[in-house]
């Protein structure tokens, strides 16, 4: 994301100092993750609220 001018807040590896200063922790979270099960071929969807304030 940094390469296209949108650093992820809290990303200690790629973010610039301004992006690091804007957040105490990494601000990236998968609110929903879905996939088709490789054996049963059923769709599986998992959701989770972010552990930080948005």
PDB file of N, CA and C in Angstrom:
ATOM      1  N   UNK A   1       0.822  -1.193   0.000  1.00  0.00           N
ATOM      2  CA  UNK A   1       0.000   0.000   0.000  1.00  0.00           C
ATOM      3  C   UNK A   1       0.871   1.264   0.000  1.00  0.00           C
ATOM      4  N   UNK A   2       2.001   1.210   0.684  1.00  0.00           N
ATOM      5  CA  UNK A   2       2.897   2.366   0.722  1.00  0.00           C
ATOM      6  C   UNK A   2       3.324   2.756  -0.687  1.00  0.00           C
ATOM      7  N   UNK A   3       3.538   1.781  -1.551  1.00  0.00           N
ATOM      8  CA  UNK A   3       4.010   2.046  -2.914  1.00  0.00           C
ATOM      9  C   UNK A   3       3.021   2.875  -3.719  1.00  0.00           C
ATOM     10  N   UNK A   4       1.737   2.803  -3.378  1.00  0.00           N
ATOM     11  CA  UNK A   4       0.747   3.605  -4.101  1.00  0.00           C
ATOM     12  C   UNK A   4       0.291   4.818  -3.283  1.00  0.00           C
ATOM     13  N   UNK A   5       1.057   5.142  -2.239  1.00  0.00           N
ATOM     14  CA  UNK A   5       0.790   6.349  -1.459  1.00  0.00           C
ATOM     15  C   UNK A   5      -0.242   6.203  -0.361  1.00  0.00           C
ATOM     16  N   UNK A   6      -0.545   4.978   0.045  1.00  0.00           N
ATOM     17  CA  UNK A   6      -1.533   4.738   1.095  1.00  0.00           C
ATOM     18  C   UNK A   6      -0.954   3.793   2.147  1.00  0.00           C
ATOM     19  N   UNK A   7      -0.052   4.280   3.006  1.00  0.00           N
ATOM     20  CA  UNK A   7       0.537   3.393   4.011  1.00  0.00           C
ATOM     21  C   UNK A   7      -0.512   2.910   5.008  1.00  0.00           C
ATOM     22  N   UNK A   8      -0.344   1.705   5.488  1.00  0.00           N
ATOM     23  CA  UNK A   8      -1.227   1.162   6.511  1.00  0.00           C
ATOM     24  C   UNK A   8      -0.760   1.711   7.851  1.00  0.00           C
ATOM     25  N   UNK A   9      -1.682   2.306   8.596  1.00  0.00           N
ATOM     26  CA  UNK A   9      -1.318   2.880   9.883  1.00  0.00           C
ATOM     27  C   UNK A   9      -0.754   1.811  10.806  1.00  0.00           C
ATOM     28  N   UNK A  10       0.385   2.095  11.406  1.00  0.00           N
ATOM     29  CA  UNK A  10       1.003   1.183  12.357  1.00  0.00           C
ATOM     30  C   UNK A  10       1.899   0.124  11.743  1.00  0.00           C
ATOM     31  N   UNK A  11       2.063   0.125  10.427  1.00  0.00           N
ATOM     32  CA  UNK A  11       2.918  -0.867   9.761  1.00  0.00           C
ATOM     33  C   UNK A  11       4.375  -0.480   9.967  1.00  0.00           C
ATOM     34  N   UNK A  12       5.048  -1.170  10.875  1.00  0.00           N
ATOM     35  CA  UNK A  12       6.425  -0.820  11.236  1.00  0.00           C
ATOM     36  C   UNK A  12       7.439  -1.151  10.147  1.00  0.00           C
ATOM     37  N   UNK A  13       7.095  -2.024   9.214  1.00  0.00           N
ATOM     38  CA  UNK A  13       8.053  -2.433   8.186  1.00  0.00           C
ATOM     39  C   UNK A  13       8.069  -1.476   6.993  1.00  0.00           C
ATOM     40  N   UNK A  14       6.899  -1.091   6.492  1.00  0.00           N
ATOM     41  CA  UNK A  14       6.826  -0.289   5.272  1.00  0.00           C
ATOM     42  C   UNK A  14       6.448   1.174   5.482  1.00  0.00           C
ATOM     43  N   UNK A  15       5.744   1.488   6.552  1.00  0.00           N
ATOM     44  CA  UNK A  15       5.194   2.834   6.715  1.00  0.00           C
ATOM     45  C   UNK A  15       6.266   3.880   6.994  1.00  0.00           C
ATOM     46  N   UNK A  16       5.963   5.093   6.586  1.00  0.00           N
ATOM     47  CA  UNK A  16       6.857   6.211   6.875  1.00  0.00           C
ATOM     48  C   UNK A  16       6.606   6.686   8.308  1.00  0.00           C
ATOM     49  N   UNK A  17       7.455   7.554   8.842  1.00  0.00           N
ATOM     50  CA  UNK A  17       7.299   8.001  10.236  1.00  0.00           C
ATOM     51  C   UNK A  17       5.943   8.638  10.541  1.00  0.00           C
ATOM     52  N   UNK A  18       5.356   9.376   9.586  1.00  0.00           N
ATOM     53  CA  UNK A  18       4.043   9.987   9.823  1.00  0.00           C
ATOM     54  C   UNK A  18       2.960   8.924  10.017  1.00  0.00           C
ATOM     55  N   UNK A  19       3.011   7.873   9.209  1.00  0.00           N
ATOM     56  CA  UNK A  19       2.022   6.801   9.341  1.00  0.00           C
ATOM     57  C   UNK A  19       2.216   6.037  10.648  1.00  0.00           C
ATOM     58  N   UNK A  20       3.453   5.869  11.066  1.00  0.00           N
ATOM     59  CA  UNK A  20       3.716   5.189  12.339  1.00  0.00           C
ATOM     60  C   UNK A  20       3.217   6.011  13.517  1.00  0.00           C
ATOM     61  N   UNK A  21       3.382   7.314  13.446  1.00  0.00           N
ATOM     62  CA  UNK A  21       2.963   8.186  14.545  1.00  0.00           C
ATOM     63  C   UNK A  21       1.444   8.286  14.657  1.00  0.00           C
ATOM     64  N   UNK A  22       0.725   7.944  13.605  1.00  0.00           N
ATOM     65  CA  UNK A  22      -0.728   8.096  13.590  1.00  0.00           C
ATOM     66  C   UNK A  22      -1.467   6.967  14.307  1.00  0.00           C
ATOM     67  N   UNK A  23      -0.770   5.887  14.663  1.00  0.00           N
ATOM     68  CA  UNK A  23      -1.452   4.757  15.301  1.00  0.00           C
ATOM     69  C   UNK A  23      -0.518   4.025  16.251  1.00  0.00           C
ATOM     70  N   UNK A  24      -1.088   3.518  17.337  1.00  0.00           N
ATOM     71  CA  UNK A  24      -0.307   2.767  18.323  1.00  0.00           C
ATOM     72  C   UNK A  24      -0.033   1.336  17.866  1.00  0.00           C
ATOM     73  N   UNK A  25      -0.893   0.794  17.020  1.00  0.00           N
ATOM     74  CA  UNK A  25      -0.742  -0.586  16.565  1.00  0.00           C
ATOM     75  C   UNK A  25      -1.159  -0.671  15.106  1.00  0.00           C
ATOM     76  N   UNK A  26      -0.918  -1.791  14.495  1.00  0.00           N
ATOM     77  CA  UNK A  26      -1.287  -2.008  13.106  1.00  0.00           C
ATOM     78  C   UNK A  26      -2.791  -1.845  12.938  1.00  0.00           C
ATOM     79  N   UNK A  27      -3.204  -1.044  11.973  1.00  0.00           N
ATOM     80  CA  UNK A  27      -4.614  -0.757  11.750  1.00  0.00           C
ATOM     81  C   UNK A  27      -5.140  -1.474  10.507  1.00  0.00           C
ATOM     82  N   UNK A  28      -4.808  -2.727  10.383  1.00  0.00           N
ATOM     83  CA  UNK A  28      -5.290  -3.544   9.275  1.00  0.00           C
ATOM     84  C   UNK A  28      -5.993  -4.750   9.870  1.00  0.00           C
ATOM     85  N   UNK A  29      -7.207  -5.008   9.404  1.00  0.00           N
ATOM     86  CA  UNK A  29      -7.997  -6.088   9.985  1.00  0.00           C
ATOM     87  C   UNK A  29      -8.928  -6.646   8.919  1.00  0.00           C
ATOM     88  N   UNK A  30      -9.023  -7.952   8.825  1.00  0.00           N
ATOM     89  CA  UNK A  30      -9.979  -8.585   7.917  1.00  0.00           C
ATOM     90  C   UNK A  30     -11.307  -8.725   8.656  1.00  0.00           C
ATOM     91  N   UNK A  31     -12.260  -7.857   8.356  1.00  0.00           N
ATOM     92  CA  UNK A  31     -13.568  -7.913   8.994  1.00  0.00           C
ATOM     93  C   UNK A  31     -14.351  -9.131   8.536  1.00  0.00           C
ATOM     94  N   UNK A  32     -14.059  -9.586   7.311  1.00  0.00           N
ATOM     95  CA  UNK A  32     -14.724 -10.771   6.788  1.00  0.00           C
ATOM     96  C   UNK A  32     -13.752 -11.565   5.934  1.00  0.00           C
ATOM     97  N   UNK A  33     -13.772 -12.855   6.101  1.00  0.00           N
ATOM     98  CA  UNK A  33     -12.916 -13.756   5.336  1.00  0.00           C
ATOM     99  C   UNK A  33     -13.789 -14.905   4.860  1.00  0.00           C
ATOM    100  N   UNK A  34     -13.741 -15.180   3.576  1.00  0.00           N
ATOM    101  CA  UNK A  34     -14.562 -16.256   3.041  1.00  0.00           C
ATOM    102  C   UNK A  34     -13.785 -17.103   2.051  1.00  0.00           C
ATOM    103  N   UNK A  35     -14.154 -18.366   1.969  1.00  0.00           N
ATOM    104  CA  UNK A  35     -13.524 -19.271   1.013  1.00  0.00           C
ATOM    105  C   UNK A  35     -14.419 -20.488   0.812  1.00  0.00           C
ATOM    106  N   UNK A  36     -14.155 -21.231  -0.234  1.00  0.00           N
ATOM    107  CA  UNK A  36     -14.864 -22.485  -0.481  1.00  0.00           C
ATOM    108  C   UNK A  36     -14.029 -23.614   0.110  1.00  0.00           C
ATOM    109  N   UNK A  37     -14.646 -24.449   0.950  1.00  0.00           N
ATOM    110  CA  UNK A  37     -13.947 -25.554   1.598  1.00  0.00           C
ATOM    111  C   UNK A  37     -13.422 -26.507   0.525  1.00  0.00           C
ATOM    112  N   UNK A  38     -12.142 -26.902   0.619  1.00  0.00           N
ATOM    113  CA  UNK A  38     -11.541 -27.721  -0.435  1.00  0.00           C
ATOM    114  C   UNK A  38     -12.107 -29.141  -0.557  1.00  0.00           C
ATOM    115  N   UNK A  39     -12.721 -29.664   0.496  1.00  0.00           N
ATOM    116  CA  UNK A  39     -13.262 -31.025   0.444  1.00  0.00           C
ATOM    117  C   UNK A  39     -14.776 -31.008   0.207  1.00  0.00           C
ATOM    118  N   UNK A  40     -15.490 -30.261   1.034  1.00  0.00           N
ATOM    119  CA  UNK A  40     -16.958 -30.251   0.940  1.00  0.00           C
ATOM    120  C   UNK A  40     -17.476 -29.268  -0.111  1.00  0.00           C
ATOM    121  N   UNK A  41     -16.632 -28.344  -0.531  1.00  0.00           N
ATOM    122  CA  UNK A  41     -16.989 -27.294  -1.498  1.00  0.00           C
ATOM    123  C   UNK A  41     -18.067 -26.343  -0.973  1.00  0.00           C
ATOM    124  N   UNK A  42     -18.295 -26.369   0.325  1.00  0.00           N
ATOM    125  CA  UNK A  42     -19.235 -25.431   0.932  1.00  0.00           C
ATOM    126  C   UNK A  42     -18.560 -24.080   1.096  1.00  0.00           C
ATOM    127  N   UNK A  43     -19.342 -23.021   0.925  1.00  0.00           N
ATOM    128  CA  UNK A  43     -18.817 -21.677   1.178  1.00  0.00           C
ATOM    129  C   UNK A  43     -18.739 -21.462   2.676  1.00  0.00           C
ATOM    130  N   UNK A  44     -17.625 -20.946   3.134  1.00  0.00           N
ATOM    131  CA  UNK A  44     -17.419 -20.642   4.549  1.00  0.00           C
ATOM    132  C   UNK A  44     -17.117 -19.154   4.660  1.00  0.00           C
ATOM    133  N   UNK A  45     -17.782 -18.469   5.571  1.00  0.00           N
ATOM    134  CA  UNK A  45     -17.560 -17.044   5.784  1.00  0.00           C
ATOM    135  C   UNK A  45     -17.398 -16.807   7.279  1.00  0.00           C
ATOM    136  N   UNK A  46     -16.350 -16.077   7.639  1.00  0.00           N
ATOM    137  CA  UNK A  46     -16.070 -15.740   9.032  1.00  0.00           C
ATOM    138  C   UNK A  46     -16.012 -14.227   9.151  1.00  0.00           C
ATOM    139  N   UNK A  47     -16.636 -13.681  10.174  1.00  0.00           N
ATOM    140  CA  UNK A  47     -16.599 -12.240  10.410  1.00  0.00           C
ATOM    141  C   UNK A  47     -16.089 -11.973  11.821  1.00  0.00           C
ATOM    142  N   UNK A  48     -15.480 -10.805  11.985  1.00  0.00           N
ATOM    143  CA  UNK A  48     -14.924 -10.436  13.282  1.00  0.00           C
ATOM    144  C   UNK A  48     -14.804  -8.918  13.353  1.00  0.00           C
ATOM    145  N   UNK A  49     -15.232  -8.353  14.450  1.00  0.00           N
ATOM    146  CA  UNK A  49     -15.083  -6.911  14.650  1.00  0.00           C
ATOM    147  C   UNK A  49     -13.610  -6.581  14.845  1.00  0.00           C
ATOM    148  N   UNK A  50     -13.176  -5.416  14.391  1.00  0.00           N
ATOM    149  CA  UNK A  50     -11.771  -5.042  14.584  1.00  0.00           C
ATOM    150  C   UNK A  50     -11.451  -4.843  16.067  1.00  0.00           C
ATOM    151  N   UNK A  51     -10.217  -5.175  16.478  1.00  0.00           N
ATOM    152  CA  UNK A  51      -9.825  -5.026  17.875  1.00  0.00           C
ATOM    153  C   UNK A  51      -9.407  -3.599  18.221  1.00  0.00           C
ATOM    154  N   UNK A  52      -9.673  -2.666  17.324  1.00  0.00           N
ATOM    155  CA  UNK A  52      -9.316  -1.266  17.537  1.00  0.00           C
ATOM    156  C   UNK A  52     -10.484  -0.387  17.116  1.00  0.00           C
ATOM    157  N   UNK A  53     -10.462   0.863  17.535  1.00  0.00           N
ATOM    158  CA  UNK A  53     -11.522   1.801  17.165  1.00  0.00           C
ATOM    159  C   UNK A  53     -11.338   2.236  15.721  1.00  0.00           C
ATOM    160  N   UNK A  54     -12.436   2.253  14.978  1.00  0.00           N
ATOM    161  CA  UNK A  54     -12.365   2.701  13.583  1.00  0.00           C
ATOM    162  C   UNK A  54     -13.001   4.056  13.430  1.00  0.00           C
TER     163      UNK A  54
END
